[in-house]
Amino acid sequence: MRAASIKQYKYLPRLIDSEIERYLPIMGAICIEGPKWCGKTWTASFHSGSRILISDPAGNFQNRSLAELSPALVLEGKAPRLIDEWQEAPSIWDAVRQTVDQRGQSEQFILTGSATPKHKGISHSGADQIGRLRMRPMSLYESGDSSGKISLRELCTGELAPVATGETDLRMLARLTVRGGWPDNLATSDKNLSMLPNQYLNAAVEDASRIDGIRRDNRKIKLLLRSLARSESAAVPNSRLKKHIKENDNEDIDVETITSYLDVLRRIFITDNQDPCSAEFHSSVRIKKAPKRHLCDTSLACALLGATPVGLIEDLQTFDFLFEALCERDLKIYAQTFDARLCHYQDYAGNKMDAVIELPDGAWCGIEIRLGANKIDEAAANLKRIRDMIVKDGGNAPSALMVICGMSNAAYQRPDGVLVAPITALKN
């Protein structure tokens, strides 16, 4: 589009592109937030007319010094002006808001941020002038590892024309789980798949130690990250994380420290939890409010657990919950493009659905995720049982029930109405 250098290097489109193009003509500025290395700068550059990189180390971090001394100066440039890693100089936020207010025009600024400061130096939320967009590592569709034959949006309305999707290799699914969705890791050889995720984790620990000037224990942060990896795809309380650390690492960390450190990890986007359903489906069924634990990418959990593609195939129990996390990462990305929300369902009677998509009009879709096709019957039965329970209690029926599978070679509707689709054929 605007940046010739990005064109030259064959920009790989992202699903968030359509959201940026939808928001920019309406908002004076947008802020693209998400973990480091997920492609925010590259994508924002594609949509910008000029840019300044606040975290550029050139000239002893000259850009950051300039932003701190005179925020208005760094805003000068062809619109939309990209201000990358704005949180390095938090006063930029107010400067952007005020400039947008003064100009009275849309498409003025694109901010990117890989951390959320605790509003130090920010006097106004900017909600009326700065739209926020969440960016994540690449989905399988974005990285070219899903054919995109099946639309999640259409599945949510119960639409699915049967289609053969081809055989899926279990070894390939294991590789994708370990590799993750980092743009710079797509072409990495098998022996080096965990190199980038390990480097990311080292950088994240350092970021967590310096995000707000509060001194934190790097060793305890690493122990907590390992506990989160062991709890991937599970709705476990902080007390359970403490217990895992004690049992597996023989270390004792108090719950207050865990709570504080979790907040920091959330603010640097290394965690990306799956919230519980907000809707009660208009029934009296009481839904638990515990979030489902996720790191922002499966590669991080694999690196923390020392998991390799071969190791996952030899440990299918671990592979199951990591595959579930892979699918839920993609479902979040796809659902966001049509203003839907991915959550999970667990009630006090022990009934669970792996995922629920809440649509803007209040409709909902129930989802179970299974690695093997041999588990589809079991997953479909669970979905129907929970649906019937909710409806019997006076709640709304789902617009669709679906099983997202790893090893299925086709997408189809079962005789009982449950939809089946492989993750390697899914798109938004």
Protein backbone atom coordinates (compact mmCIF):
# COMPACT_ATOMS: atom_id res chain seq x y z
CA MET A 1 0.00 0.00 0.00
CA ARG A 2 1.80 3.17 1.21
CA ALA A 3 5.25 1.91 2.16
CA ALA A 4 7.36 0.99 -0.86
CA SER A 5 9.91 -0.83 1.27
CA ILE A 6 7.22 -3.13 2.63
CA LYS A 7 5.99 -3.88 -0.88
CA GLN A 8 9.52 -4.64 -1.94
CA TYR A 9 9.84 -7.35 0.68
CA LYS A 10 6.50 -8.95 -0.19
CA TYR A 11 4.42 -8.17 2.86
CA LEU A 12 2.58 -11.28 4.04
CA PRO A 13 -1.05 -10.23 4.66
CA ARG A 14 -2.54 -10.57 8.12
CA LEU A 15 -6.19 -10.87 9.10
CA ILE A 16 -5.91 -7.75 11.20
CA ASP A 17 -5.34 -5.77 7.98
CA SER A 18 -9.09 -5.60 7.35
CA GLU A 19 -9.70 -4.35 10.90
CA ILE A 20 -7.08 -1.62 10.49
CA GLU A 21 -8.67 -0.55 7.21
CA ARG A 22 -12.08 -0.51 8.89
CA TYR A 23 -10.96 1.49 11.94
CA LEU A 24 -8.64 4.07 10.37
CA PRO A 25 -11.28 6.01 8.37
CA ILE A 26 -13.34 6.33 11.55
CA MET A 27 -10.76 6.92 14.29
CA GLY A 28 -8.16 9.65 14.54
CA ALA A 29 -5.67 7.02 15.73
CA ILE A 30 -5.46 3.31 16.40
CA CYS A 31 -3.23 1.35 18.74
CA ILE A 32 -2.16 -2.16 17.76
CA GLU A 33 -1.27 -4.12 20.90
CA GLY A 34 0.22 -7.57 21.29
CA PRO A 35 3.32 -9.59 22.11
CA LYS A 36 6.72 -8.67 20.75
CA TRP A 37 7.78 -10.27 17.47
CA CYS A 38 4.23 -11.06 16.34
CA GLY A 39 4.50 -8.67 13.38
CA LYS A 40 2.96 -5.42 14.72
CA THR A 41 5.64 -3.10 13.33
CA TRP A 42 5.65 -4.77 9.92
CA THR A 43 1.87 -4.63 9.63
CA ALA A 44 1.59 -1.07 10.94
CA SER A 45 4.35 0.05 8.52
CA PHE A 46 2.35 -1.40 5.64
CA HIS A 47 -0.56 0.86 6.53
CA SER A 48 1.44 3.99 7.45
CA GLY A 49 2.72 7.00 5.53
CA SER A 50 5.74 7.62 7.80
CA ARG A 51 7.14 6.17 11.00
CA ILE A 52 9.33 6.64 14.03
CA LEU A 53 10.66 3.73 16.11
CA ILE A 54 10.76 4.80 19.75
CA SER A 55 12.80 1.78 20.85
CA ASP A 56 15.45 2.21 18.12
CA PRO A 57 18.84 2.05 19.93
CA ALA A 58 20.51 4.32 17.35
CA GLY A 59 22.14 7.43 18.78
CA ASN A 60 21.86 6.08 22.32
CA PHE A 61 18.08 5.79 21.97
CA GLN A 62 17.79 9.24 20.47
CA ASN A 63 14.17 8.75 19.36
CA ARG A 64 13.06 7.83 22.86
CA SER A 65 14.87 10.83 24.34
CA LEU A 66 13.22 13.10 21.78
CA ALA A 67 9.80 11.65 22.57
CA GLU A 68 10.31 12.23 26.28
CA LEU A 69 11.54 15.80 25.82
CA SER A 70 9.05 16.92 23.15
CA PRO A 71 6.33 14.39 22.29
CA ALA A 72 4.78 16.74 19.70
CA LEU A 73 7.93 16.64 17.56
CA VAL A 74 7.79 12.88 17.01
CA LEU A 75 4.23 13.22 15.71
CA GLU A 76 5.33 15.25 12.70
CA GLY A 77 5.29 13.27 9.46
CA LYS A 78 3.04 12.02 6.71
CA ALA A 79 -0.21 10.53 8.00
CA PRO A 80 -0.94 7.94 9.11
CA ARG A 81 2.19 8.39 11.24
CA LEU A 82 3.43 5.19 12.91
CA ILE A 83 4.78 5.55 16.44
CA ASP A 84 6.25 2.15 17.23
CA GLU A 85 6.50 0.94 20.87
CA TRP A 86 4.84 4.10 22.18
CA GLN A 87 4.89 2.81 25.76
CA GLU A 88 8.64 3.53 25.93
CA ALA A 89 7.61 7.21 26.23
CA PRO A 90 4.09 7.12 27.75
CA SER A 91 3.50 10.86 27.35
CA ILE A 92 3.09 10.18 23.61
CA TRP A 93 -0.41 8.85 24.33
CA ASP A 94 -1.74 12.20 25.52
CA ALA A 95 0.14 14.01 22.76
CA VAL A 96 -1.54 11.81 20.14
CA ARG A 97 -4.96 12.30 21.70
CA GLN A 98 -4.56 16.08 21.83
CA THR A 99 -3.25 16.28 18.25
CA VAL A 100 -6.13 14.19 16.94
CA ASP A 101 -8.54 16.44 18.81
CA GLN A 102 -6.94 19.56 17.33
CA ARG A 103 -6.83 18.28 13.75
CA GLY A 104 -10.32 16.84 13.78
CA GLN A 105 -9.40 14.27 11.13
CA SER A 106 -9.28 10.48 10.94
CA GLU A 107 -6.31 8.32 9.87
CA GLN A 108 -3.70 10.40 11.68
CA PHE A 109 -1.68 7.93 13.76
CA ILE A 110 -0.97 4.24 14.21
CA LEU A 111 0.58 3.32 17.55
CA THR A 112 2.01 -0.09 18.37
CA GLY A 113 2.70 -1.40 21.84
CA SER A 114 4.06 -4.62 23.30
CA ALA A 115 3.36 -3.58 26.89
CA THR A 116 0.63 -1.73 28.73
CA PRO A 117 1.94 0.87 31.18
CA LYS A 118 -0.02 1.50 34.34
CA HIS A 119 -1.16 4.88 33.02
CA LYS A 120 1.85 6.72 34.43
CA GLY A 121 2.06 9.96 32.51
CA ILE A 122 -1.28 9.32 30.80
CA SER A 123 -4.02 11.74 31.85
CA HIS A 124 -6.79 10.48 29.57
CA SER A 125 -7.85 7.06 28.29
CA GLY A 126 -8.22 8.33 24.73
CA ALA A 127 -11.08 5.91 24.15
CA ASP A 128 -12.95 8.41 22.00
CA GLN A 129 -10.00 9.07 19.66
CA ILE A 130 -7.73 6.01 19.81
CA GLY A 131 -9.14 2.64 18.77
CA ARG A 132 -7.47 -0.45 20.22
CA LEU A 133 -6.79 -3.61 18.22
CA ARG A 134 -5.27 -6.83 19.55
CA MET A 135 -2.70 -8.61 17.39
CA ARG A 136 -1.47 -12.14 18.02
CA PRO A 137 1.11 -14.46 16.44
CA MET A 138 0.08 -15.89 13.09
CA SER A 139 -2.83 -18.29 12.76
CA LEU A 140 -2.36 -21.37 10.59
CA TYR A 141 -4.32 -19.65 7.83
CA GLU A 142 -2.06 -16.59 7.92
CA SER A 143 1.11 -18.70 7.88
CA GLY A 144 -0.16 -20.76 4.93
CA ASP A 145 -0.61 -23.95 6.96
CA SER A 146 -4.41 -23.98 6.63
CA SER A 147 -6.12 -24.22 3.26
CA GLY A 148 -8.90 -21.88 4.39
CA LYS A 149 -11.58 -24.01 2.72
CA ILE A 150 -13.88 -23.58 5.72
CA SER A 151 -15.04 -20.25 7.18
CA LEU A 152 -15.52 -20.05 10.93
CA ARG A 153 -18.00 -17.24 10.44
CA GLU A 154 -20.16 -19.48 8.26
CA LEU A 155 -19.80 -22.38 10.70
CA CYS A 156 -21.20 -20.11 13.42
CA THR A 157 -24.42 -19.78 11.42
CA GLY A 158 -24.65 -23.55 10.95
CA GLU A 159 -23.57 -23.41 7.30
CA LEU A 160 -21.21 -26.10 6.01
CA ALA A 161 -21.06 -27.67 2.57
CA PRO A 162 -19.26 -31.04 2.88
CA VAL A 163 -15.75 -30.89 1.44
CA ALA A 164 -12.72 -33.17 1.40
CA THR A 165 -9.82 -31.37 3.06
CA GLY A 166 -7.04 -33.89 2.51
CA GLU A 167 -5.01 -36.07 4.82
CA THR A 168 -3.28 -34.45 7.79
CA ASP A 169 0.07 -35.69 9.06
CA LEU A 170 0.31 -35.95 12.86
CA ARG A 171 3.99 -35.07 12.61
CA MET A 172 3.10 -31.85 10.82
CA LEU A 173 0.62 -30.87 13.56
CA ALA A 174 3.30 -31.53 16.16
CA ARG A 175 5.77 -29.38 14.24
CA LEU A 176 3.28 -26.51 13.93
CA THR A 177 2.58 -26.67 17.66
CA VAL A 178 6.28 -26.43 18.54
CA ARG A 179 7.07 -23.86 15.84
CA GLY A 180 4.29 -21.47 16.78
CA GLY A 181 3.02 -18.48 14.84
CA TRP A 182 6.03 -16.15 14.96
CA PRO A 183 6.64 -14.68 11.48
CA ASP A 184 10.40 -15.06 11.85
CA ASN A 185 10.08 -18.75 12.76
CA LEU A 186 8.10 -19.93 9.72
CA ALA A 187 11.07 -21.15 7.69
CA THR A 188 13.13 -22.47 10.60
CA SER A 189 14.59 -25.97 10.42
CA ASP A 190 13.23 -28.64 12.76
CA LYS A 191 16.33 -28.68 14.95
CA ASN A 192 16.02 -24.93 15.62
CA LEU A 193 12.26 -24.64 16.15
CA SER A 194 12.60 -23.73 19.84
CA MET A 195 15.44 -21.24 19.44
CA LEU A 196 13.26 -18.19 18.82
CA PRO A 197 10.65 -19.09 21.51
CA ASN A 198 13.46 -19.51 24.04
CA GLN A 199 14.91 -16.14 23.10
CA TYR A 200 11.43 -14.63 23.39
CA LEU A 201 11.03 -16.04 26.89
CA ASN A 202 14.41 -14.61 27.97
CA ALA A 203 13.39 -11.20 26.62
CA ALA A 204 9.99 -11.44 28.30
CA VAL A 205 11.55 -12.13 31.69
CA GLU A 206 13.73 -9.04 31.30
CA ASP A 207 10.71 -6.97 30.21
CA ALA A 208 8.73 -8.16 33.22
CA SER A 209 11.56 -7.00 35.45
CA ARG A 210 11.71 -3.47 34.04
CA ILE A 211 8.22 -2.61 32.77
CA ASP A 212 7.39 -0.20 35.60
CA GLY A 213 10.64 0.22 37.52
CA ILE A 214 9.64 -2.31 40.20
CA ARG A 215 12.34 -4.88 40.98
CA ARG A 216 11.18 -8.47 40.46
CA ASP A 217 12.84 -11.86 40.88
CA ASN A 218 13.71 -13.26 37.44
CA ARG A 219 13.99 -16.77 38.84
CA LYS A 220 10.46 -16.64 40.23
CA ILE A 221 9.13 -15.28 36.95
CA LYS A 222 10.67 -18.27 35.14
CA LEU A 223 9.18 -20.70 37.68
CA LEU A 224 5.76 -19.12 37.20
CA LEU A 225 6.07 -19.36 33.42
CA ARG A 226 6.85 -23.08 33.72
CA SER A 227 3.82 -23.55 35.94
CA LEU A 228 1.68 -21.74 33.36
CA ALA A 229 3.02 -24.05 30.64
CA ARG A 230 2.03 -27.07 32.74
CA SER A 231 -1.43 -25.49 33.17
CA GLU A 232 -1.93 -24.68 29.48
CA SER A 233 -5.60 -24.99 28.42
CA ALA A 234 -6.78 -25.53 32.01
CA ALA A 235 -8.87 -23.28 34.26
CA VAL A 236 -6.66 -23.43 37.35
CA PRO A 237 -6.62 -20.91 40.21
CA ASN A 238 -3.49 -19.11 41.39
CA SER A 239 -3.28 -21.45 44.37
CA ARG A 240 -2.89 -24.38 41.96
CA LEU A 241 -0.02 -22.59 40.20
CA LYS A 242 1.65 -22.20 43.59
CA LYS A 243 1.16 -25.92 44.25
CA HIS A 244 2.64 -26.85 40.86
CA ILE A 245 5.75 -24.79 41.59
CA LYS A 246 6.16 -26.42 44.99
CA GLU A 247 5.66 -29.95 43.65
CA ASN A 248 7.72 -29.67 40.47
CA ASP A 249 10.42 -27.13 41.35
CA ASN A 250 10.57 -27.44 45.13
CA GLU A 251 10.17 -23.68 45.48
CA ASP A 252 7.62 -21.75 47.49
CA ILE A 253 6.10 -18.57 46.05
CA ASP A 254 3.27 -16.89 47.90
CA VAL A 255 -0.06 -16.35 46.11
CA GLU A 256 0.22 -12.56 46.37
CA THR A 257 3.50 -12.62 44.43
CA ILE A 258 1.96 -14.94 41.82
CA THR A 259 -1.00 -12.59 41.42
CA SER A 260 1.31 -9.60 41.00
CA TYR A 261 3.57 -11.38 38.50
CA LEU A 262 0.58 -12.62 36.50
CA ASP A 263 -0.56 -9.03 36.10
CA VAL A 264 2.85 -8.10 34.70
CA LEU A 265 2.84 -11.06 32.28
CA ARG A 266 -0.62 -9.99 31.10
CA ARG A 267 0.58 -6.44 30.55
CA ILE A 268 3.43 -7.60 28.29
CA PHE A 269 0.99 -9.88 26.45
CA ILE A 270 2.86 -13.11 27.18
CA THR A 271 -0.37 -14.56 28.58
CA ASP A 272 -3.60 -14.59 26.59
CA ASN A 273 -6.19 -16.23 28.81
CA GLN A 274 -9.57 -17.44 27.60
CA ASP A 275 -12.27 -15.77 29.66
CA PRO A 276 -15.36 -17.59 30.91
CA CYS A 277 -18.62 -17.01 29.10
CA SER A 278 -20.21 -13.69 29.94
CA ALA A 279 -23.67 -14.81 28.84
CA GLU A 280 -25.79 -17.03 31.04
CA PHE A 281 -27.70 -18.23 27.94
CA HIS A 282 -30.80 -16.89 29.72
CA SER A 283 -30.87 -19.97 31.93
CA SER A 284 -30.28 -20.39 35.65
CA VAL A 285 -27.20 -22.59 35.13
CA ARG A 286 -24.38 -21.06 37.15
CA ILE A 287 -21.17 -20.67 35.16
CA LYS A 288 -17.75 -20.66 36.79
CA LYS A 289 -15.77 -17.46 36.34
CA ALA A 290 -12.24 -18.85 36.28
CA PRO A 291 -10.26 -18.04 33.10
CA LYS A 292 -8.64 -20.77 31.05
CA ARG A 293 -4.85 -20.40 31.10
CA HIS A 294 -2.99 -19.73 27.86
CA LEU A 295 0.39 -18.39 26.95
CA CYS A 296 0.18 -16.23 23.83
CA ASP A 297 1.60 -18.99 21.61
CA THR A 298 1.99 -22.76 21.92
CA SER A 299 5.68 -22.51 21.07
CA LEU A 300 6.32 -20.85 24.43
CA ALA A 301 4.69 -23.69 26.37
CA CYS A 302 6.65 -26.20 24.29
CA ALA A 303 9.92 -24.38 24.98
CA LEU A 304 9.20 -24.22 28.72
CA LEU A 305 8.31 -27.93 28.81
CA GLY A 306 11.19 -28.97 26.54
CA ALA A 307 8.69 -30.43 24.07
CA THR A 308 9.79 -31.38 20.55
CA PRO A 309 7.67 -32.65 17.65
CA VAL A 310 8.90 -36.21 18.28
CA GLY A 311 8.32 -35.81 22.01
CA LEU A 312 4.73 -34.67 21.51
CA ILE A 313 3.91 -37.71 19.40
CA GLU A 314 5.35 -39.91 22.13
CA ASP A 315 3.31 -38.06 24.78
CA LEU A 316 -0.19 -37.67 23.35
CA GLN A 317 -1.64 -36.43 26.64
CA THR A 318 0.61 -33.36 26.51
CA PHE A 319 0.02 -33.04 22.76
CA ASP A 320 -3.76 -32.99 23.36
CA PHE A 321 -3.77 -29.91 25.59
CA LEU A 322 -1.19 -28.10 23.47
CA PHE A 323 -3.19 -28.83 20.32
CA GLU A 324 -6.25 -27.43 22.08
CA ALA A 325 -4.25 -24.26 22.80
CA LEU A 326 -3.16 -24.05 19.15
CA CYS A 327 -6.77 -24.21 17.98
CA GLU A 328 -7.96 -21.68 20.54
CA ARG A 329 -5.23 -19.24 19.51
CA ASP A 330 -6.51 -19.46 15.93
CA LEU A 331 -10.17 -19.28 16.93
CA LYS A 332 -9.49 -16.03 18.82
CA ILE A 333 -7.84 -14.53 15.75
CA TYR A 334 -10.62 -15.62 13.40
CA ALA A 335 -13.47 -14.60 15.72
CA GLN A 336 -12.03 -11.12 16.25
CA THR A 337 -12.40 -10.35 12.53
CA PHE A 338 -16.20 -10.53 12.79
CA ASP A 339 -16.45 -8.89 16.24
CA ALA A 340 -17.05 -12.19 18.02
CA ARG A 341 -15.47 -13.33 21.27
CA LEU A 342 -13.91 -16.65 22.22
CA CYS A 343 -14.55 -17.84 25.75
CA HIS A 344 -15.05 -21.17 27.52
CA TYR A 345 -17.86 -22.87 29.45
CA GLN A 346 -17.63 -24.64 32.79
CA ASP A 347 -20.46 -24.92 35.27
CA TYR A 348 -20.58 -25.95 38.90
CA ALA A 349 -21.88 -29.40 37.98
CA GLY A 350 -18.61 -30.17 36.18
CA ASN A 351 -19.90 -29.73 32.62
CA LYS A 352 -17.37 -28.20 30.21
CA MET A 353 -17.10 -27.04 26.63
CA ASP A 354 -13.60 -26.34 25.36
CA ALA A 355 -14.67 -23.12 23.66
CA VAL A 356 -17.70 -20.95 23.07
CA ILE A 357 -17.96 -18.22 20.46
CA GLU A 358 -20.19 -15.36 21.55
CA LEU A 359 -21.49 -13.45 18.52
CA PRO A 360 -22.33 -9.71 18.52
CA ASP A 361 -26.07 -10.41 18.29
CA GLY A 362 -26.03 -12.57 21.43
CA ALA A 363 -26.00 -15.93 19.66
CA TRP A 364 -23.49 -18.53 20.76
CA CYS A 365 -21.71 -21.59 19.33
CA GLY A 366 -20.37 -24.51 21.34
CA ILE A 367 -17.02 -26.04 20.38
CA GLU A 368 -15.06 -29.10 21.38
CA ILE A 369 -11.48 -29.64 20.20
CA ARG A 370 -9.99 -33.06 19.55
CA LEU A 371 -6.64 -34.08 18.11
CA GLY A 372 -7.81 -37.46 16.80
CA ALA A 373 -10.85 -38.24 14.65
CA ASN A 374 -11.57 -41.21 16.92
CA LYS A 375 -12.73 -38.73 19.59
CA ILE A 376 -15.31 -36.91 17.45
CA ASP A 377 -18.28 -39.02 18.63
CA GLU A 378 -17.39 -38.40 22.27
CA ALA A 379 -17.00 -34.65 21.67
CA ALA A 380 -20.30 -34.38 19.78
CA ALA A 381 -22.13 -36.25 22.55
CA ASN A 382 -20.76 -33.82 25.16
CA LEU A 383 -21.85 -30.79 23.14
CA LYS A 384 -25.37 -32.13 22.65
CA ARG A 385 -25.72 -33.05 26.31
CA ILE A 386 -24.76 -29.55 27.49
CA ARG A 387 -26.98 -27.94 24.84
CA ASP A 388 -29.96 -30.02 25.95
CA MET A 389 -29.29 -29.17 29.59
CA ILE A 390 -29.18 -25.43 28.85
CA VAL A 391 -32.31 -25.52 26.70
CA LYS A 392 -34.19 -27.62 29.27
CA ASP A 393 -33.32 -24.98 31.85
CA GLY A 394 -34.90 -22.30 29.67
CA GLY A 395 -31.73 -21.07 27.99
CA ASN A 396 -31.10 -20.21 24.35
CA ALA A 397 -30.09 -22.97 21.97
CA PRO A 398 -26.75 -22.48 20.20
CA SER A 399 -26.64 -21.36 16.58
CA ALA A 400 -24.16 -24.19 15.95
CA LEU A 401 -22.25 -26.98 17.64
CA MET A 402 -18.90 -27.96 16.17
CA VAL A 403 -15.90 -30.20 16.69
CA ILE A 404 -12.57 -28.76 15.57
CA CYS A 405 -10.31 -31.68 14.80
CA GLY A 406 -6.69 -32.37 13.99
CA MET A 407 -6.77 -35.59 12.02
CA SER A 408 -10.07 -35.37 10.13
CA ASN A 409 -9.69 -35.48 6.31
CA ALA A 410 -13.04 -33.80 5.61
CA ALA A 411 -15.39 -31.09 6.83
CA TYR A 412 -19.01 -32.19 7.15
CA GLN A 413 -22.23 -32.11 9.12
CA ARG A 414 -23.03 -35.20 11.13
CA PRO A 415 -26.56 -36.68 11.11
CA ASP A 416 -27.07 -35.21 14.59
CA GLY A 417 -26.33 -31.71 13.27
CA VAL A 418 -22.88 -31.29 14.83
CA LEU A 419 -20.36 -29.74 12.42
CA VAL A 420 -16.86 -31.18 12.03
CA ALA A 421 -13.94 -29.22 10.58
CA PRO A 422 -10.16 -29.75 10.67
CA ILE A 423 -8.10 -26.84 11.98
CA THR A 424 -5.88 -27.10 8.88
CA ALA A 425 -8.85 -26.13 6.66
CA LEU A 426 -10.17 -23.27 8.80
CA LYS A 427 -10.07 -19.50 8.27
CA ASN A 428 -12.07 -16.56 9.54
